[in-house]
Amino acid sequence: MVKLRLKRCGRKQRAIYRIVAIDVRSRREGRDLRRVGFYDPINNQTYSNVPAILYFLEKGAQPTETVHDLLKKAEFFKEFLIDFDKK
C-alpha cells in the first residue's frame, strides 16, 4: 500500500520535510516512489505538486494525518471537490 507521508530532511534543529509517496513498509528515510511537495515548519511554507498528489490519491494512496491536515489547510480538497475525510 502506498501512503503520502513526510520525510525528514535538513540539519539539526532546522528540519524541513518532503511530502513523498512511499510504500508503507519503508522506513521514514527510506526510498520514496516520488516527491510530491515539501513543508517547512519554521517558515510555515508548503509546496505541493497538485497533479502528482491527485494521481496518487486516484490510485488509492492514503495520506497520513499530518499530510491530510497540511493539504486541508492549503484547501486542496475544496479546490478539487474531493470528499476525503479521515476515519
N, C-alpha and C. Protein backbone atom coordinates (compact mmCIF):
# COMPACT_ATOMS: atom_id res chain seq x y z
N MET A 1 0.84 -1.18 0.00
CA MET A 1 0.00 0.00 0.00
C MET A 1 0.89 1.24 0.00
N VAL A 2 0.45 2.25 -0.70
CA VAL A 2 1.20 3.50 -0.81
C VAL A 2 0.57 4.55 0.09
N LYS A 3 1.43 5.33 0.74
CA LYS A 3 0.97 6.43 1.58
C LYS A 3 1.66 7.70 1.17
N LEU A 4 0.97 8.82 1.38
CA LEU A 4 1.59 10.13 1.26
C LEU A 4 2.00 10.52 2.67
N ARG A 5 3.29 10.66 2.91
CA ARG A 5 3.75 10.99 4.24
C ARG A 5 4.97 11.89 4.19
N LEU A 6 5.42 12.33 5.36
CA LEU A 6 6.54 13.25 5.45
C LEU A 6 7.85 12.50 5.58
N LYS A 7 8.87 13.05 4.96
CA LYS A 7 10.23 12.51 5.03
C LYS A 7 11.12 13.64 5.53
N ARG A 8 11.80 13.41 6.65
CA ARG A 8 12.58 14.46 7.29
C ARG A 8 13.87 14.72 6.53
N CYS A 9 14.19 16.01 6.35
CA CYS A 9 15.42 16.45 5.71
C CYS A 9 15.94 17.66 6.48
N GLY A 10 17.05 18.18 6.05
CA GLY A 10 17.61 19.36 6.70
C GLY A 10 18.62 18.99 7.76
N ARG A 11 19.02 19.97 8.54
CA ARG A 11 20.02 19.74 9.56
C ARG A 11 19.39 19.72 10.95
N LYS A 12 20.21 19.55 11.95
CA LYS A 12 19.71 19.53 13.33
C LYS A 12 19.07 20.87 13.66
N GLN A 13 17.96 20.82 14.34
CA GLN A 13 17.20 21.99 14.79
C GLN A 13 16.66 22.84 13.65
N ARG A 14 16.81 22.43 12.39
CA ARG A 14 16.28 23.15 11.23
C ARG A 14 15.66 22.15 10.26
N ALA A 15 14.75 21.37 10.75
CA ALA A 15 14.17 20.31 9.93
C ALA A 15 13.21 20.89 8.89
N ILE A 16 13.26 20.33 7.70
CA ILE A 16 12.23 20.54 6.70
C ILE A 16 11.77 19.15 6.29
N TYR A 17 10.60 19.07 5.74
CA TYR A 17 10.02 17.78 5.40
C TYR A 17 9.61 17.76 3.95
N ARG A 18 9.89 16.66 3.29
CA ARG A 18 9.39 16.42 1.95
C ARG A 18 8.10 15.62 2.06
N ILE A 19 7.14 15.95 1.26
CA ILE A 19 5.92 15.14 1.16
C ILE A 19 6.18 14.15 0.03
N VAL A 20 6.15 12.87 0.37
CA VAL A 20 6.51 11.84 -0.59
C VAL A 20 5.45 10.75 -0.66
N ALA A 21 5.40 10.10 -1.79
CA ALA A 21 4.60 8.88 -1.94
C ALA A 21 5.57 7.74 -1.68
N ILE A 22 5.24 6.88 -0.71
CA ILE A 22 6.17 5.86 -0.27
C ILE A 22 5.40 4.61 0.14
N ASP A 23 6.03 3.46 -0.02
CA ASP A 23 5.43 2.21 0.41
C ASP A 23 5.37 2.18 1.93
N VAL A 24 4.30 1.67 2.52
CA VAL A 24 4.12 1.70 3.97
C VAL A 24 5.17 0.88 4.71
N ARG A 25 5.77 -0.07 4.04
CA ARG A 25 6.77 -0.91 4.71
C ARG A 25 8.14 -0.25 4.78
N SER A 26 8.33 0.88 4.09
CA SER A 26 9.61 1.57 4.11
C SER A 26 9.74 2.42 5.37
N ARG A 27 10.95 2.62 5.80
CA ARG A 27 11.18 3.48 6.96
C ARG A 27 11.06 4.95 6.54
N ARG A 28 11.14 5.85 7.53
CA ARG A 28 10.91 7.27 7.27
C ARG A 28 11.88 7.83 6.24
N GLU A 29 13.16 7.47 6.34
CA GLU A 29 14.15 7.96 5.39
C GLU A 29 14.38 6.99 4.24
N GLY A 30 13.46 6.05 4.06
CA GLY A 30 13.61 5.05 3.01
C GLY A 30 13.40 5.63 1.63
N ARG A 31 13.53 4.76 0.65
CA ARG A 31 13.40 5.18 -0.74
C ARG A 31 11.94 5.48 -1.06
N ASP A 32 11.71 6.67 -1.61
CA ASP A 32 10.34 7.06 -1.95
C ASP A 32 10.04 6.78 -3.41
N LEU A 33 8.76 6.67 -3.72
CA LEU A 33 8.34 6.47 -5.11
C LEU A 33 8.43 7.78 -5.89
N ARG A 34 7.98 8.86 -5.23
CA ARG A 34 8.02 10.17 -5.88
C ARG A 34 7.88 11.26 -4.84
N ARG A 35 8.58 12.36 -5.05
CA ARG A 35 8.42 13.53 -4.19
C ARG A 35 7.27 14.37 -4.75
N VAL A 36 6.34 14.72 -3.89
CA VAL A 36 5.17 15.46 -4.36
C VAL A 36 5.01 16.81 -3.67
N GLY A 37 5.98 17.21 -2.86
CA GLY A 37 5.90 18.52 -2.23
C GLY A 37 6.87 18.62 -1.07
N PHE A 38 6.82 19.77 -0.36
CA PHE A 38 7.62 19.92 0.84
C PHE A 38 6.89 20.81 1.83
N TYR A 39 7.33 20.73 3.09
CA TYR A 39 6.76 21.52 4.16
C TYR A 39 7.89 22.02 5.04
N ASP A 40 7.92 23.33 5.26
CA ASP A 40 8.91 23.96 6.13
C ASP A 40 8.18 24.51 7.34
N PRO A 41 8.25 23.82 8.50
CA PRO A 41 7.51 24.28 9.67
C PRO A 41 8.06 25.56 10.29
N ILE A 42 9.33 25.87 10.05
CA ILE A 42 9.92 27.07 10.65
C ILE A 42 9.41 28.32 9.94
N ASN A 43 9.39 28.32 8.63
CA ASN A 43 8.88 29.45 7.86
C ASN A 43 7.41 29.30 7.50
N ASN A 44 6.82 28.18 7.90
CA ASN A 44 5.42 27.87 7.63
C ASN A 44 5.09 27.95 6.14
N GLN A 45 5.92 27.31 5.33
CA GLN A 45 5.72 27.26 3.88
C GLN A 45 5.39 25.85 3.46
N THR A 46 4.50 25.75 2.49
CA THR A 46 4.13 24.46 1.94
C THR A 46 4.08 24.57 0.43
N TYR A 47 4.64 23.58 -0.25
CA TYR A 47 4.52 23.48 -1.70
C TYR A 47 4.03 22.08 -2.01
N SER A 48 3.06 21.99 -2.90
CA SER A 48 2.58 20.66 -3.28
C SER A 48 2.40 20.59 -4.79
N ASN A 49 2.82 19.49 -5.36
CA ASN A 49 2.68 19.21 -6.78
C ASN A 49 1.29 18.59 -6.97
N VAL A 50 0.33 19.43 -7.32
CA VAL A 50 -1.08 19.02 -7.35
C VAL A 50 -1.35 17.85 -8.29
N PRO A 51 -0.86 17.87 -9.53
CA PRO A 51 -1.15 16.71 -10.40
C PRO A 51 -0.59 15.40 -9.86
N ALA A 52 0.58 15.44 -9.24
CA ALA A 52 1.17 14.22 -8.69
C ALA A 52 0.36 13.71 -7.50
N ILE A 53 -0.09 14.61 -6.64
CA ILE A 53 -0.89 14.22 -5.49
C ILE A 53 -2.22 13.63 -5.94
N LEU A 54 -2.85 14.26 -6.91
CA LEU A 54 -4.11 13.74 -7.45
C LEU A 54 -3.92 12.36 -8.06
N TYR A 55 -2.81 12.15 -8.76
CA TYR A 55 -2.53 10.86 -9.37
C TYR A 55 -2.47 9.77 -8.31
N PHE A 56 -1.72 10.03 -7.24
CA PHE A 56 -1.57 9.01 -6.20
C PHE A 56 -2.86 8.79 -5.42
N LEU A 57 -3.63 9.86 -5.18
CA LEU A 57 -4.91 9.69 -4.48
C LEU A 57 -5.89 8.87 -5.32
N GLU A 58 -5.88 9.09 -6.63
CA GLU A 58 -6.76 8.32 -7.52
C GLU A 58 -6.35 6.85 -7.56
N LYS A 59 -5.06 6.57 -7.39
CA LYS A 59 -4.58 5.19 -7.41
C LYS A 59 -4.77 4.49 -6.06
N GLY A 60 -5.28 5.21 -5.06
CA GLY A 60 -5.59 4.58 -3.78
C GLY A 60 -4.62 4.89 -2.66
N ALA A 61 -3.72 5.85 -2.86
CA ALA A 61 -2.79 6.20 -1.79
C ALA A 61 -3.54 6.88 -0.65
N GLN A 62 -3.10 6.61 0.58
CA GLN A 62 -3.72 7.19 1.76
C GLN A 62 -2.76 8.21 2.37
N PRO A 63 -3.21 9.46 2.59
CA PRO A 63 -2.33 10.41 3.28
C PRO A 63 -2.33 10.16 4.78
N THR A 64 -1.20 10.39 5.42
CA THR A 64 -1.14 10.29 6.87
C THR A 64 -1.92 11.47 7.46
N GLU A 65 -2.15 11.45 8.77
CA GLU A 65 -2.91 12.51 9.40
C GLU A 65 -2.25 13.87 9.19
N THR A 66 -0.94 13.93 9.33
CA THR A 66 -0.23 15.19 9.18
C THR A 66 -0.32 15.72 7.76
N VAL A 67 -0.12 14.87 6.78
CA VAL A 67 -0.21 15.29 5.38
C VAL A 67 -1.65 15.68 5.05
N HIS A 68 -2.61 14.95 5.58
CA HIS A 68 -4.01 15.29 5.36
C HIS A 68 -4.31 16.68 5.91
N ASP A 69 -3.80 16.98 7.11
CA ASP A 69 -4.02 18.30 7.70
C ASP A 69 -3.35 19.40 6.89
N LEU A 70 -2.14 19.13 6.37
CA LEU A 70 -1.45 20.12 5.54
C LEU A 70 -2.23 20.39 4.25
N LEU A 71 -2.73 19.34 3.62
CA LEU A 71 -3.50 19.52 2.39
C LEU A 71 -4.83 20.21 2.67
N LYS A 72 -5.42 19.90 3.79
CA LYS A 72 -6.68 20.54 4.17
C LYS A 72 -6.47 22.03 4.45
N LYS A 73 -5.36 22.35 5.11
CA LYS A 73 -5.03 23.74 5.42
C LYS A 73 -4.79 24.53 4.13
N ALA A 74 -4.23 23.88 3.12
CA ALA A 74 -3.99 24.51 1.83
C ALA A 74 -5.24 24.50 0.95
N GLU A 75 -6.36 24.02 1.48
CA GLU A 75 -7.65 23.94 0.78
C GLU A 75 -7.56 23.11 -0.49
N PHE A 76 -6.76 22.06 -0.42
CA PHE A 76 -6.58 21.16 -1.56
C PHE A 76 -7.88 20.42 -1.88
N PHE A 77 -8.56 19.93 -0.85
CA PHE A 77 -9.75 19.12 -1.04
C PHE A 77 -10.94 19.95 -1.51
N LYS A 78 -11.03 21.21 -1.07
CA LYS A 78 -12.11 22.09 -1.53
C LYS A 78 -11.94 22.42 -3.01
N GLU A 79 -10.70 22.69 -3.38
CA GLU A 79 -10.41 23.11 -4.74
C GLU A 79 -10.77 22.04 -5.77
N PHE A 80 -10.55 20.78 -5.42
CA PHE A 80 -10.78 19.71 -6.38
C PHE A 80 -12.02 18.89 -6.06
N LEU A 81 -12.82 19.35 -5.11
CA LEU A 81 -14.08 18.71 -4.76
C LEU A 81 -13.90 17.23 -4.43
N ILE A 82 -12.84 16.93 -3.70
CA ILE A 82 -12.58 15.57 -3.28
C ILE A 82 -13.20 15.38 -1.91
N ASP A 83 -14.02 14.36 -1.77
CA ASP A 83 -14.62 14.07 -0.48
C ASP A 83 -13.74 13.03 0.21
N PHE A 84 -12.74 13.51 0.90
CA PHE A 84 -11.75 12.64 1.50
C PHE A 84 -11.66 12.96 2.98
N ASP A 85 -12.48 12.33 3.80
CA ASP A 85 -12.47 12.56 5.24
C ASP A 85 -11.71 11.45 5.92
N LYS A 86 -10.94 11.83 6.94
CA LYS A 86 -10.24 10.83 7.74
C LYS A 86 -11.23 10.07 8.60
N LYS A 87 -10.97 8.81 8.80
CA LYS A 87 -11.87 7.98 9.60
C LYS A 87 -11.51 8.09 11.06
